[in-house]
Amino acid sequence: MIDWRRGGWTGSINRWVRLEVKELLRDNVVARRSRYGPLHRILRTFFAVSSFGRFVTLYLLLDVAVVIGEFAIAHFAPNWIPDWTASGPPPQPDVKAIILNVSSYLITAQVGVLGVISLALALVTLIAQRENSSTDVKLYYHESLAFEVVASCVALLAVMCAQLLWPLQFSLHRFGFGTNFQAFKLVLLGAHSAWLLVNLAGLAHFIATTFNFVQQSAREKLRERYTVNFVQPLEMKARLRQQLYALATQELLGSDQANDQPSATFGFDFGGPHISEINTKFERRMALYDVRMIWVRWVLRRWVVRCSRAAVSQPSLRTSPTTWGRWILARWSTYRNGGAKALPKPRVRPTGYQGPILWFTPHIDEPLNGSVSWCRRRGGVALNRLELWVLRRAFCFRGVNDES
């Protein structure tokens, strides 16, 4: 039996698979030897944002939080602001000028980082063209965090250039809700400095990977690390997700269900006749990437109970051999007593009759587009609104590009 609780309180297939793969690789001696170190994993966690837009969005959320904090503290707890952060005439230090100078230095450093990355990428491109090894270039980009570091550096540069004018803080002061203290700008300046230090750490990793890549002997180690840390887990997760999704057919309701009992299947289409329970119109290419199985099990068990109750209130037309025997004896008794009235024959369902069935047609990672009926029913009672609402949130779809 599959313990869906390993996937969290929702029974997420993806979370279940991540834990399983993690344990399998942890017990593998060869995989342990080639795993990323702690600092490498920390860098990958930070740069997992991976796009310019996401970096800028996260910073914008931080800036908005700081502005709200300045508004709240200035009006409700002004004594919390340190006095030394105020800008005033000499002999007081001009904190505003210090912030401006430090910001200009940070911008200069960030531009230098981008220049170094550009030269390194040009060098690697020339080497790859000479050796005709496009696969190694993909390996290099992944291992060096090239795209992620560039996106982070460009995002920080854009943020610091925009913050030379402090647009949100200026708007707050313009309407009289701010304060003359520079403490909140110092908080953001500290965030800029910390972000730059992380980018410098990413640059150090990038340069080290570049030096290893240009050496043929060190490149073999890069291939091994890439396989152990990326390719192998990716393939294992893909296969386990498919297997787990297919096994849910038996695991959710039990494998001992009789043929005439309600059942459910995943990733199959039994064709007509059927009733469409959930039909979704996908405006762009989408794919099923996760299923919250504990939620699905809750819905299926409710549906099975209601199907059973409906079968009790409306007796089944299926007739057992015992019923046939009773009908024959009753018919013979009536005939002996001179009765002329014929007894009606028992109504029998065809041999091989299958009970109510609910099936979900999507396959894991299979692109879908347009109007798709992905939850269908044959027989049994209809799903109620609550059950449909839960199922729509239990099956998680996300966009896929045209190359998927």
Protein backbone atom coordinates (compact mmCIF):
# COMPACT_ATOMS: atom_id res chain seq x y z
CA MET A 1 0.00 0.00 0.00
CA ILE A 2 1.15 3.51 -0.82
CA ASP A 3 1.29 5.89 2.12
CA TRP A 4 0.00 9.06 0.51
CA ARG A 5 0.80 11.02 3.69
CA ARG A 6 4.41 11.12 2.50
CA GLY A 7 3.12 13.67 0.02
CA GLY A 8 2.03 16.02 2.79
CA TRP A 9 -1.50 16.71 3.97
CA THR A 10 -2.64 16.96 0.34
CA GLY A 11 -0.97 13.72 -0.78
CA SER A 12 1.00 15.47 -3.53
CA ILE A 13 2.52 13.03 -6.03
CA ASN A 14 5.44 15.38 -6.71
CA ARG A 15 6.31 15.74 -3.04
CA TRP A 16 6.05 11.97 -2.52
CA VAL A 17 8.40 11.38 -5.46
CA ARG A 18 10.90 14.03 -4.31
CA LEU A 19 11.22 12.37 -0.91
CA GLU A 20 11.58 8.93 -2.47
CA VAL A 21 14.28 10.02 -4.92
CA LYS A 22 16.11 11.90 -2.20
CA GLU A 23 16.25 8.77 -0.02
CA LEU A 24 17.36 6.59 -2.92
CA LEU A 25 20.22 8.90 -3.86
CA ARG A 26 21.22 9.36 -0.24
CA ASP A 27 21.77 5.62 0.10
CA ASN A 28 23.77 5.44 -3.14
CA VAL A 29 27.53 5.62 -2.49
CA VAL A 30 28.42 6.80 -6.01
CA ALA A 31 25.74 9.49 -5.97
CA ARG A 32 26.86 10.72 -2.56
CA ARG A 33 30.40 11.14 -3.83
CA SER A 34 29.30 13.38 -6.68
CA ARG A 35 26.67 15.43 -4.88
CA TYR A 36 26.86 19.21 -4.76
CA GLY A 37 28.43 20.70 -1.66
CA PRO A 38 26.47 22.80 0.88
CA LEU A 39 27.60 26.16 -0.53
CA HIS A 40 26.75 25.06 -4.05
CA ARG A 41 23.27 24.02 -2.95
CA ILE A 42 22.75 27.35 -1.18
CA LEU A 43 23.71 29.23 -4.35
CA ARG A 44 21.36 27.10 -6.43
CA THR A 45 18.56 27.76 -3.96
CA PHE A 46 19.04 31.53 -4.23
CA PHE A 47 19.39 31.55 -8.02
CA ALA A 48 16.44 29.18 -8.45
CA VAL A 49 14.36 32.32 -9.13
CA SER A 50 16.26 32.20 -12.45
CA SER A 51 14.60 35.07 -14.34
CA PHE A 52 14.96 38.84 -14.45
CA GLY A 53 11.24 39.43 -13.94
CA ARG A 54 11.06 37.27 -10.83
CA PHE A 55 14.08 38.93 -9.22
CA VAL A 56 12.61 42.39 -9.83
CA THR A 57 9.20 41.30 -8.55
CA LEU A 58 10.67 39.95 -5.30
CA TYR A 59 12.60 43.17 -4.77
CA LEU A 60 9.51 45.24 -5.48
CA LEU A 61 7.65 43.32 -2.79
CA LEU A 62 10.49 44.06 -0.36
CA ASP A 63 10.44 47.75 -1.28
CA VAL A 64 6.67 47.96 -0.77
CA ALA A 65 7.04 46.26 2.64
CA VAL A 66 9.71 48.79 3.67
CA VAL A 67 7.51 51.71 2.54
CA ILE A 68 4.57 50.36 4.53
CA GLY A 69 6.88 49.91 7.53
CA GLU A 70 8.09 53.52 7.23
CA PHE A 71 4.51 54.79 7.09
CA ALA A 72 3.45 52.74 10.12
CA ILE A 73 6.47 53.55 12.29
CA ALA A 74 6.44 57.26 11.41
CA HIS A 75 2.84 57.57 12.59
CA PHE A 76 2.60 55.10 15.45
CA ALA A 77 6.13 54.66 16.87
CA PRO A 78 8.41 57.51 15.71
CA ASN A 79 10.71 57.02 18.72
CA TRP A 80 11.85 53.68 17.29
CA ILE A 81 13.84 55.41 14.55
CA PRO A 82 17.53 56.00 15.50
CA ASP A 83 18.49 59.68 15.66
CA TRP A 84 21.80 59.15 13.87
CA THR A 85 19.96 58.26 10.65
CA ALA A 86 18.70 61.85 10.24
CA SER A 87 20.27 64.04 7.54
CA GLY A 88 21.05 67.57 8.60
CA PRO A 89 23.59 70.38 8.38
CA PRO A 90 27.14 69.91 9.74
CA PRO A 91 28.39 68.69 12.12
CA GLN A 92 25.74 66.01 11.57
CA PRO A 93 26.74 63.40 8.93
CA ASP A 94 24.94 63.65 5.62
CA VAL A 95 23.45 60.15 5.53
CA LYS A 96 21.64 60.84 2.27
CA ALA A 97 24.92 61.66 0.49
CA ILE A 98 26.56 58.55 1.95
CA ILE A 99 23.73 56.37 0.61
CA LEU A 100 24.09 57.94 -2.84
CA ASN A 101 27.86 57.42 -2.91
CA VAL A 102 27.65 53.80 -1.77
CA SER A 103 24.94 53.10 -4.37
CA SER A 104 27.17 54.44 -7.14
CA TYR A 105 30.02 52.16 -5.99
CA LEU A 106 27.69 49.16 -5.99
CA ILE A 107 26.53 49.97 -9.52
CA THR A 108 30.14 50.16 -10.69
CA ALA A 109 30.94 46.79 -9.12
CA GLN A 110 27.86 45.19 -10.67
CA VAL A 111 28.75 46.48 -14.14
CA GLY A 112 32.23 44.97 -13.72
CA VAL A 113 30.72 41.60 -12.82
CA LEU A 114 28.64 41.62 -15.99
CA GLY A 115 31.74 42.43 -18.04
CA VAL A 116 33.62 39.44 -16.63
CA ILE A 117 30.70 37.12 -17.34
CA SER A 118 30.46 38.35 -20.93
CA LEU A 119 34.15 37.59 -21.57
CA ALA A 120 33.86 34.11 -20.02
CA LEU A 121 30.80 33.23 -22.10
CA ALA A 122 32.56 34.36 -25.27
CA LEU A 123 35.56 32.15 -24.41
CA VAL A 124 33.42 29.08 -23.79
CA THR A 125 31.46 29.66 -27.00
CA LEU A 126 34.67 29.71 -29.03
CA ILE A 127 35.88 26.49 -27.42
CA ALA A 128 32.55 24.76 -28.03
CA GLN A 129 32.51 25.78 -31.69
CA ARG A 130 36.01 24.48 -32.20
CA GLU A 131 35.22 21.13 -30.58
CA ASN A 132 31.69 20.93 -32.01
CA SER A 133 30.24 19.97 -28.62
CA SER A 134 26.83 21.57 -28.20
CA THR A 135 25.93 19.07 -25.45
CA ASP A 136 28.87 20.21 -23.35
CA VAL A 137 27.71 23.81 -23.71
CA LYS A 138 24.36 22.91 -22.16
CA LEU A 139 26.25 21.13 -19.40
CA TYR A 140 28.37 24.25 -18.85
CA TYR A 141 25.39 26.58 -18.68
CA HIS A 142 23.69 24.37 -16.10
CA GLU A 143 26.73 23.76 -13.91
CA SER A 144 28.01 27.37 -13.98
CA LEU A 145 24.58 28.91 -13.26
CA ALA A 146 25.30 31.22 -16.20
CA PHE A 147 21.73 32.25 -16.99
CA GLU A 148 20.77 32.61 -13.34
CA VAL A 149 23.79 34.74 -12.41
CA VAL A 150 23.30 37.02 -15.42
CA ALA A 151 19.60 37.46 -14.63
CA SER A 152 20.37 38.30 -11.01
CA CYS A 153 23.13 40.76 -11.94
CA VAL A 154 21.02 42.58 -14.52
CA ALA A 155 18.06 42.72 -12.12
CA LEU A 156 20.21 44.20 -9.34
CA LEU A 157 21.71 46.75 -11.74
CA ALA A 158 18.25 47.84 -12.89
CA VAL A 159 17.00 48.04 -9.31
CA MET A 160 19.93 50.16 -8.09
CA CYS A 161 19.65 52.54 -11.05
CA ALA A 162 15.94 53.02 -10.37
CA GLN A 163 16.55 53.50 -6.64
CA LEU A 164 18.86 56.45 -7.27
CA LEU A 165 15.58 58.40 -7.33
CA TRP A 166 13.80 56.31 -4.66
CA PRO A 167 10.41 56.54 -6.45
CA LEU A 168 8.23 54.85 -3.82
CA GLN A 169 9.85 56.70 -0.93
CA PHE A 170 9.55 60.01 -2.82
CA SER A 171 5.84 59.38 -3.38
CA LEU A 172 5.36 58.63 0.32
CA HIS A 173 7.14 61.85 1.35
CA ARG A 174 5.33 63.85 -1.33
CA PHE A 175 1.99 63.15 0.35
CA GLY A 176 3.38 63.87 3.82
CA PHE A 177 3.37 60.31 5.15
CA GLY A 178 7.12 59.73 5.40
CA THR A 179 9.93 60.81 7.70
CA ASN A 180 13.19 62.74 7.30
CA PHE A 181 15.19 59.87 8.76
CA GLN A 182 17.13 57.68 6.31
CA ALA A 183 16.83 54.44 8.29
CA PHE A 184 14.54 52.78 5.76
CA LYS A 185 16.76 53.67 2.83
CA LEU A 186 19.63 52.17 4.77
CA VAL A 187 17.64 48.95 5.07
CA LEU A 188 17.27 48.79 1.29
CA LEU A 189 20.93 49.73 0.83
CA GLY A 190 21.83 46.80 3.05
CA ALA A 191 19.65 44.57 0.86
CA HIS A 192 21.48 45.85 -2.23
CA SER A 193 24.84 45.11 -0.64
CA ALA A 194 23.83 41.61 0.43
CA TRP A 195 22.43 40.91 -3.05
CA LEU A 196 25.71 42.08 -4.61
CA LEU A 197 27.72 39.80 -2.31
CA VAL A 198 25.61 36.83 -3.37
CA ASN A 199 26.13 37.79 -7.01
CA LEU A 200 29.87 37.92 -6.38
CA ALA A 201 29.70 34.44 -4.88
CA GLY A 202 27.83 33.33 -7.98
CA LEU A 203 30.53 34.96 -10.11
CA ALA A 204 33.24 33.06 -8.20
CA HIS A 205 31.41 29.79 -8.84
CA PHE A 206 30.93 30.76 -12.49
CA ILE A 207 34.65 31.47 -13.00
CA ALA A 208 35.70 28.25 -11.23
CA THR A 209 33.35 26.22 -13.42
CA THR A 210 34.66 27.98 -16.53
CA PHE A 211 38.26 27.08 -15.68
CA ASN A 212 37.21 23.45 -15.12
CA PHE A 213 35.31 23.37 -18.38
CA VAL A 214 38.25 24.44 -20.53
CA GLN A 215 40.28 21.52 -19.11
CA GLN A 216 39.32 18.23 -20.70
CA SER A 217 40.13 16.14 -17.60
CA ALA A 218 38.05 18.35 -15.29
CA ARG A 219 35.18 18.34 -17.77
CA GLU A 220 34.61 14.65 -17.10
CA LYS A 221 33.93 15.42 -13.44
CA LEU A 222 31.46 18.10 -14.52
CA ARG A 223 29.64 15.53 -16.64
CA GLU A 224 29.48 13.12 -13.70
CA ARG A 225 28.14 15.77 -11.33
CA TYR A 226 25.62 16.89 -13.93
CA THR A 227 24.39 13.32 -14.42
CA VAL A 228 24.14 12.52 -10.70
CA ASN A 229 22.58 15.81 -9.60
CA PHE A 230 20.34 16.63 -12.55
CA VAL A 231 19.84 13.97 -15.23
CA GLN A 232 19.38 10.92 -13.01
CA PRO A 233 16.98 12.55 -10.49
CA LEU A 234 15.00 14.03 -13.37
CA GLU A 235 14.51 10.65 -15.05
CA MET A 236 13.73 8.91 -11.76
CA LYS A 237 11.12 11.50 -10.87
CA ALA A 238 9.49 11.28 -14.28
CA ARG A 239 9.16 7.50 -14.12
CA LEU A 240 8.03 7.40 -10.49
CA ARG A 241 5.38 10.05 -11.12
CA GLN A 242 3.97 8.03 -14.01
CA GLN A 243 3.98 4.79 -12.00
CA LEU A 244 2.47 6.38 -8.92
CA TYR A 245 -0.30 7.98 -10.95
CA ALA A 246 -1.13 4.66 -12.62
CA LEU A 247 -1.08 2.71 -9.32
CA ALA A 248 -3.58 5.13 -7.80
CA THR A 249 -6.27 3.21 -9.69
CA GLN A 250 -5.97 0.32 -7.22
CA GLU A 251 -4.52 2.09 -4.20
CA LEU A 252 -7.22 4.70 -3.57
CA LEU A 253 -10.22 2.35 -3.39
CA GLY A 254 -8.44 -0.95 -2.80
CA SER A 255 -7.55 -3.76 -5.17
CA ASP A 256 -10.23 -6.13 -3.84
CA GLN A 257 -13.16 -4.22 -5.33
CA ALA A 258 -15.70 -6.48 -7.03
CA ASN A 259 -16.52 -5.89 -10.68
CA ASP A 260 -19.97 -4.53 -9.84
CA GLN A 261 -18.64 -2.05 -7.26
CA PRO A 262 -17.84 1.62 -8.00
CA SER A 263 -14.28 2.14 -9.22
CA ALA A 264 -11.98 4.85 -10.56
CA THR A 265 -9.07 4.88 -13.00
CA PHE A 266 -6.37 7.40 -13.91
CA GLY A 267 -4.83 8.05 -17.30
CA PHE A 268 -7.34 5.95 -19.27
CA ASP A 269 -10.22 6.74 -21.58
CA PHE A 270 -12.99 4.13 -21.86
CA GLY A 271 -14.86 6.05 -24.55
CA GLY A 272 -18.62 6.33 -24.73
CA PRO A 273 -21.16 6.24 -23.40
CA HIS A 274 -20.19 8.55 -20.56
CA ILE A 275 -21.20 11.70 -18.73
CA SER A 276 -18.67 14.53 -18.55
CA GLU A 277 -18.27 15.67 -14.95
CA ILE A 278 -15.48 18.24 -15.47
CA ASN A 279 -14.74 20.00 -18.73
CA THR A 280 -11.99 22.60 -18.84
CA LYS A 281 -11.12 24.94 -21.68
CA PHE A 282 -7.37 25.50 -21.82
CA GLU A 283 -6.56 28.76 -23.58
CA ARG A 284 -2.94 27.68 -24.03
CA ARG A 285 -0.97 24.45 -23.87
CA MET A 286 -1.21 23.00 -20.38
CA ALA A 287 -0.08 19.74 -18.80
CA LEU A 288 -0.96 17.83 -15.65
CA TYR A 289 2.09 18.09 -13.39
CA ASP A 290 0.76 17.12 -9.94
CA VAL A 291 -2.20 15.39 -8.29
CA ARG A 292 -3.18 15.75 -4.63
CA MET A 293 -4.17 12.18 -4.00
CA ILE A 294 -5.51 12.54 -0.45
CA TRP A 295 -8.05 15.06 -1.75
CA VAL A 296 -8.95 12.76 -4.65
CA ARG A 297 -9.36 9.80 -2.26
CA TRP A 298 -11.71 11.84 -0.08
CA VAL A 299 -13.89 12.63 -3.09
CA LEU A 300 -13.88 9.05 -4.38
CA ARG A 301 -14.86 7.58 -1.02
CA ARG A 302 -17.77 9.99 -0.72
CA TRP A 303 -18.85 9.11 -4.24
CA VAL A 304 -18.64 5.34 -3.56
CA VAL A 305 -20.76 5.68 -0.41
CA ARG A 306 -23.41 7.65 -2.28
CA CYS A 307 -23.40 5.12 -5.13
CA SER A 308 -23.94 2.30 -2.62
CA ARG A 309 -26.80 4.16 -0.95
CA ALA A 310 -28.41 4.80 -4.32
CA ALA A 311 -28.11 1.09 -5.17
CA VAL A 312 -29.90 0.20 -1.90
CA SER A 313 -32.72 2.67 -2.45
CA GLN A 314 -33.07 1.50 -6.08
CA PRO A 315 -32.52 -2.28 -6.03
CA SER A 316 -30.09 -3.57 -8.57
CA LEU A 317 -31.43 -5.27 -11.69
CA ARG A 318 -28.72 -7.85 -11.47
CA THR A 319 -30.07 -11.26 -10.49
CA SER A 320 -28.16 -14.13 -8.90
CA PRO A 321 -28.65 -17.86 -9.67
CA THR A 322 -30.51 -18.21 -6.36
CA THR A 323 -33.12 -15.76 -7.59
CA TRP A 324 -33.52 -17.79 -10.77
CA GLY A 325 -34.12 -20.94 -8.66
CA ARG A 326 -36.76 -19.25 -6.57
CA TRP A 327 -38.50 -18.05 -9.74
CA ILE A 328 -38.57 -21.59 -11.21
CA LEU A 329 -39.96 -23.08 -7.97
CA ALA A 330 -42.61 -20.39 -7.75
CA ARG A 331 -43.56 -20.92 -11.40
CA TRP A 332 -43.91 -24.73 -10.83
CA SER A 333 -45.97 -24.23 -7.68
CA THR A 334 -48.35 -21.91 -9.53
CA TYR A 335 -48.72 -24.39 -12.36
CA ARG A 336 -49.55 -27.30 -9.97
CA ASN A 337 -52.18 -25.24 -8.20
CA GLY A 338 -53.86 -24.48 -11.50
CA GLY A 339 -52.83 -20.88 -11.50
CA ALA A 340 -53.04 -19.21 -14.88
CA LYS A 341 -51.19 -16.03 -14.02
CA ALA A 342 -47.55 -16.14 -15.15
CA LEU A 343 -44.84 -14.78 -12.97
CA PRO A 344 -42.59 -12.12 -14.53
CA LYS A 345 -39.09 -13.23 -15.30
CA PRO A 346 -36.28 -11.70 -13.30
CA ARG A 347 -34.55 -8.92 -15.21
CA VAL A 348 -30.89 -9.73 -15.63
CA ARG A 349 -27.99 -7.46 -16.54
CA PRO A 350 -25.59 -8.72 -19.20
CA THR A 351 -22.76 -10.97 -18.19
CA GLY A 352 -19.61 -9.04 -17.40
CA TYR A 353 -21.50 -6.03 -16.14
CA GLN A 354 -19.22 -3.44 -14.53
CA GLY A 355 -20.34 -1.15 -11.77
CA PRO A 356 -20.20 2.65 -11.78
CA ILE A 357 -16.85 3.97 -12.89
CA LEU A 358 -15.20 7.37 -12.72
CA TRP A 359 -12.12 7.99 -14.82
CA PHE A 360 -9.63 10.80 -15.29
CA THR A 361 -8.21 11.01 -18.80
CA PRO A 362 -5.08 13.25 -18.46
CA HIS A 363 -1.63 11.71 -18.41
CA ILE A 364 1.20 13.20 -16.38
CA ASP A 365 3.10 15.83 -18.42
CA GLU A 366 0.97 15.29 -21.53
CA PRO A 367 0.16 18.64 -23.23
CA LEU A 368 -3.52 19.58 -23.42
CA ASN A 369 -5.16 22.36 -25.38
CA GLY A 370 -8.67 23.56 -26.09
CA SER A 371 -11.77 22.11 -24.47
CA VAL A 372 -10.93 18.91 -22.58
CA SER A 373 -13.34 16.63 -20.71
CA TRP A 374 -10.91 15.15 -18.22
CA CYS A 375 -13.28 13.73 -15.58
CA ARG A 376 -15.91 11.32 -16.88
CA ARG A 377 -18.47 9.00 -15.34
CA ARG A 378 -20.40 5.94 -16.45
CA GLY A 379 -23.19 4.89 -14.13
CA GLY A 380 -23.53 5.76 -10.47
CA VAL A 381 -24.55 9.12 -9.06
CA ALA A 382 -23.29 12.51 -10.16
CA LEU A 383 -20.57 14.35 -8.26
CA ASN A 384 -21.85 17.24 -6.18
CA ARG A 385 -20.51 20.79 -6.29
CA LEU A 386 -18.15 20.37 -3.36
CA GLU A 387 -16.60 17.24 -4.86
CA LEU A 388 -16.15 18.93 -8.24
CA TRP A 389 -14.55 21.94 -6.56
CA VAL A 390 -12.08 19.72 -4.68
CA LEU A 391 -11.19 17.73 -7.81
CA ARG A 392 -10.47 20.90 -9.80
CA ARG A 393 -7.92 21.86 -7.17
CA ALA A 394 -6.55 18.37 -6.69
CA PHE A 395 -5.46 18.14 -10.33
CA CYS A 396 -2.78 20.77 -10.90
CA PHE A 397 -2.10 21.96 -14.45
CA ARG A 398 0.60 24.34 -15.61
CA GLY A 399 1.66 25.87 -18.90
CA VAL A 400 4.15 24.15 -21.18
CA ASN A 401 6.14 25.62 -24.03
CA ASP A 402 5.81 24.52 -27.63
CA GLU A 403 8.98 22.40 -27.40
CA SER A 404 7.56 20.18 -24.62
